[in-house]
C-alpha atoms as a PDB file:
ATOM      1  CA  MET A   1     -68.178  -9.313 -58.719  1.00  0.00           C
ATOM      2  CA  THR A   2     -71.794  -8.615 -58.972  1.00  0.00           C
ATOM      3  CA  ASP A   3     -73.648  -6.112 -56.646  1.00  0.00           C
ATOM      4  CA  THR A   4     -76.764  -7.740 -55.485  1.00  0.00           C
ATOM      5  CA  SER A   5     -78.028  -4.819 -53.314  1.00  0.00           C
ATOM      6  CA  GLU A   6     -81.025  -3.244 -54.519  1.00  0.00           C
ATOM      7  CA  LYS A   7     -81.172   0.559 -54.577  1.00  0.00           C
ATOM      8  CA  ARG A   8     -84.266   1.697 -52.695  1.00  0.00           C
ATOM      9  CA  PRO A   9     -86.344   4.252 -54.543  1.00  0.00           C
ATOM     10  CA  GLN A  10     -86.740   7.846 -53.069  1.00  0.00           C
ATOM     11  CA  GLN A  11     -90.088   8.653 -51.556  1.00  0.00           C
ATOM     12  CA  VAL A  12     -91.634  11.706 -50.327  1.00  0.00           C
ATOM     13  CA  TYR A  13     -92.497  12.063 -46.692  1.00  0.00           C
ATOM     14  CA  THR A  14     -94.812  14.631 -45.027  1.00  0.00           C
ATOM     15  CA  LEU A  15     -93.202  16.178 -41.866  1.00  0.00           C
ATOM     16  CA  LEU A  16     -94.205  18.672 -39.322  1.00  0.00           C
ATOM     17  CA  VAL A  17     -91.182  20.421 -37.828  1.00  0.00           C
ATOM     18  CA  GLU A  18     -91.331  22.726 -34.957  1.00  0.00           C
ATOM     19  CA  VAL A  19     -88.599  25.366 -34.765  1.00  0.00           C
ATOM     20  CA  GLY A  20     -87.383  27.681 -32.097  1.00  0.00           C
ATOM     21  CA  ARG A  21     -85.936  31.074 -32.501  1.00  0.00           C
ATOM     22  CA  LYS A  22     -82.440  31.853 -33.797  1.00  0.00           C
ATOM     23  CA  PRO A  23     -80.910  35.002 -35.153  1.00  0.00           C
ATOM     24  CA  GLY A  24     -81.508  35.317 -38.865  1.00  0.00           C
ATOM     25  CA  ASP A  25     -84.338  32.769 -38.930  1.00  0.00           C
ATOM     26  CA  GLY A  26     -86.631  34.968 -40.975  1.00  0.00           C
ATOM     27  CA  LEU A  27     -89.572  34.541 -38.594  1.00  0.00           C
ATOM     28  CA  PRO A  28     -91.788  37.459 -37.593  1.00  0.00           C
ATOM     29  CA  LYS A  29     -90.206  39.509 -34.789  1.00  0.00           C
ATOM     30  CA  ALA A  30     -92.933  38.680 -32.199  1.00  0.00           C
ATOM     31  CA  ALA A  31     -92.909  34.962 -32.897  1.00  0.00           C
ATOM     32  CA  THR A  32     -91.546  32.481 -30.357  1.00  0.00           C
ATOM     33  CA  GLY A  33     -91.103  29.735 -32.926  1.00  0.00           C
ATOM     34  CA  ALA A  34     -93.032  28.104 -35.776  1.00  0.00           C
ATOM     35  CA  ALA A  35     -94.504  24.931 -37.166  1.00  0.00           C
ATOM     36  CA  LEU A  36     -93.359  24.077 -40.631  1.00  0.00           C
ATOM     37  CA  MET A  37     -95.235  21.597 -42.951  1.00  0.00           C
ATOM     38  CA  ILE A  38     -92.532  19.898 -45.052  1.00  0.00           C
ATOM     39  CA  TYR A  39     -92.229  17.475 -47.940  1.00  0.00           C
ATOM     40  CA  ALA A  40     -88.834  15.841 -47.950  1.00  0.00           C
ATOM     41  CA  THR A  41     -87.416  12.913 -50.018  1.00  0.00           C
ATOM     42  CA  GLY A  42     -85.666   9.861 -48.739  1.00  0.00           C
ATOM     43  CA  VAL A  43     -85.247   6.194 -49.064  1.00  0.00           C
ATOM     44  CA  ASP A  44     -86.875   6.004 -45.559  1.00  0.00           C
ATOM     45  CA  GLU A  45     -88.426   8.523 -43.199  1.00  0.00           C
ATOM     46  CA  ALA A  46     -85.238   8.736 -41.103  1.00  0.00           C
ATOM     47  CA  GLU A  47     -83.278   9.827 -44.098  1.00  0.00           C
ATOM     48  CA  ALA A  48     -85.982  12.447 -45.007  1.00  0.00           C
ATOM     49  CA  VAL A  49     -85.884  13.806 -41.481  1.00  0.00           C
ATOM     50  CA  ARG A  50     -82.190  14.128 -41.592  1.00  0.00           C
ATOM     51  CA  GLU A  51     -82.416  15.928 -44.978  1.00  0.00           C
ATOM     52  CA  ALA A  52     -85.052  18.306 -43.725  1.00  0.00           C
ATOM     53  CA  VAL A  53     -83.262  19.182 -40.495  1.00  0.00           C
ATOM     54  CA  ALA A  54     -80.058  19.673 -42.351  1.00  0.00           C
ATOM     55  CA  VAL A  55     -81.645  22.121 -44.791  1.00  0.00           C
ATOM     56  CA  LEU A  56     -83.405  23.950 -41.957  1.00  0.00           C
ATOM     57  CA  LYS A  57     -80.041  24.377 -40.054  1.00  0.00           C
ATOM     58  CA  GLN A  58     -78.557  25.736 -43.204  1.00  0.00           C
ATOM     59  CA  ALA A  59     -81.331  28.309 -43.480  1.00  0.00           C
ATOM     60  CA  ASP A  60     -80.483  29.474 -39.893  1.00  0.00           C
ATOM     61  CA  MET A  61     -83.554  27.813 -38.255  1.00  0.00           C
ATOM     62  CA  ALA A  62     -83.556  25.942 -35.123  1.00  0.00           C
ATOM     63  CA  PRO A  63     -85.429  22.570 -35.495  1.00  0.00           C
ATOM     64  CA  LEU A  64     -86.683  21.242 -31.985  1.00  0.00           C
ATOM     65  CA  ASP A  65     -89.045  18.429 -32.915  1.00  0.00           C
ATOM     66  CA  VAL A  66     -90.158  16.521 -36.082  1.00  0.00           C
ATOM     67  CA  THR A  67     -93.334  14.496 -36.493  1.00  0.00           C
ATOM     68  CA  GLY A  68     -93.707  12.243 -39.581  1.00  0.00           C
ATOM     69  CA  TYR A  69     -96.905  11.593 -41.318  1.00  0.00           C
ATOM     70  CA  GLY A  70     -95.501   9.110 -43.863  1.00  0.00           C
ATOM     71  CA  THR A  71     -95.667   8.811 -47.631  1.00  0.00           C
ATOM     72  CA  LEU A  72     -98.620   9.732 -49.887  1.00  0.00           C
ATOM     73  CA  ASP A  73     -99.616   6.047 -49.978  1.00  0.00           C
ATOM     74  CA  GLU A  74     -99.408   5.814 -46.095  1.00  0.00           C
ATOM     75  CA  ARG A  75    -101.388   8.980 -45.663  1.00  0.00           C
ATOM     76  CA  LEU A  76    -104.085   7.868 -48.050  1.00  0.00           C
ATOM     77  CA  ALA A  77    -104.395   4.437 -46.291  1.00  0.00           C
ATOM     78  CA  GLN A  78    -104.913   6.458 -43.079  1.00  0.00           C
ATOM     79  CA  GLY A  79    -107.749   8.237 -44.600  1.00  0.00           C
ATOM     80  CA  HIS A  80    -106.023  11.716 -45.205  1.00  0.00           C
ATOM     81  CA  GLU A  81    -107.538  13.832 -47.918  1.00  0.00           C
ATOM     82  CA  ILE A  82    -104.733  15.103 -50.103  1.00  0.00           C
ATOM     83  CA  GLU A  83    -105.537  18.182 -52.155  1.00  0.00           C
ATOM     84  CA  ASP A  84    -104.123  18.581 -55.738  1.00  0.00           C
ATOM     85  CA  GLU A  85    -101.918  21.523 -54.711  1.00  0.00           C
ATOM     86  CA  GLU A  86    -100.314  19.147 -51.970  1.00  0.00           C
ATOM     87  CA  ARG A  87     -99.770  16.382 -54.372  1.00  0.00           C
ATOM     88  CA  ALA A  88     -98.044  18.754 -56.826  1.00  0.00           C
ATOM     89  CA  LEU A  89     -95.667  19.845 -54.067  1.00  0.00           C
ATOM     90  CA  MET A  90     -94.985  16.190 -53.250  1.00  0.00           C
ATOM     91  CA  ASP A  91     -94.331  15.485 -56.979  1.00  0.00           C
ATOM     92  CA  ARG A  92     -92.034  18.497 -57.192  1.00  0.00           C
ATOM     93  CA  ALA A  93     -89.997  17.262 -54.093  1.00  0.00           C
ATOM     94  CA  LEU A  94     -89.478  13.890 -55.626  1.00  0.00           C
ATOM     95  CA  ALA A  95     -88.693  15.221 -59.008  1.00  0.00           C
ATOM     96  CA  GLU A  96     -86.163  17.607 -57.546  1.00  0.00           C
ATOM     97  CA  ASN A  97     -85.044  15.404 -54.750  1.00  0.00           C
ATOM     98  CA  ALA A  98     -85.720  18.369 -52.559  1.00  0.00           C
ATOM     99  CA  VAL A  99     -86.900  19.483 -49.195  1.00  0.00           C
ATOM    100  CA  ILE A 100     -90.032  21.872 -49.731  1.00  0.00           C
ATOM    101  CA  VAL A 101     -91.538  23.896 -46.916  1.00  0.00           C
ATOM    102  CA  ALA A 102     -95.219  24.075 -47.947  1.00  0.00           C
ATOM    103  CA  GLN A 103     -96.489  26.078 -44.877  1.00  0.00           C
ATOM    104  CA  VAL A 104     -95.015  28.163 -42.014  1.00  0.00           C
ATOM    105  CA  THR A 105     -97.249  28.948 -38.977  1.00  0.00           C
ATOM    106  CA  PRO A 106     -95.570  31.216 -36.525  1.00  0.00           C
ATOM    107  CA  PHE A 107     -96.178  30.718 -32.813  1.00  0.00           C
ATOM    108  CA  ASN A 108     -97.010  33.790 -30.725  1.00  0.00           C
ATOM    109  CA  ASP A 109     -97.382  33.794 -26.957  1.00  0.00           C
END
C-alpha cells in the first residue's frame, strides 16, 4: 500500500498573544497582563497557535487572545517591513521547530 498523502512543510507564523496574570508568570508585579510577539512553527496557522498556547501554559502564563499575522511571505505581500533580526528569529524557529517569544510588552493600568 502506497501513502499518497503529501506531508505539508512547517512554516513560521507571526503571532501576537495577549496574556493575563497567573501566579508564577514572571511578569512585573504591577503588570495587569502583557502582549507577546511570538514566532511559532506549524503546518498551518491553527497548529502554530495551538503550539504557542501550549508552550505559554507550560510556562505558567495565561493566554487570553491570539492574533495571527501570517508567514514571512504573507507579511511581505502585505507590505510589512521585516528587519534582519526578525528574519533571524523566524529562521531559528523553523530550524528548531520551536516557539520563540521575541518581545514582551507588559500592560500597566
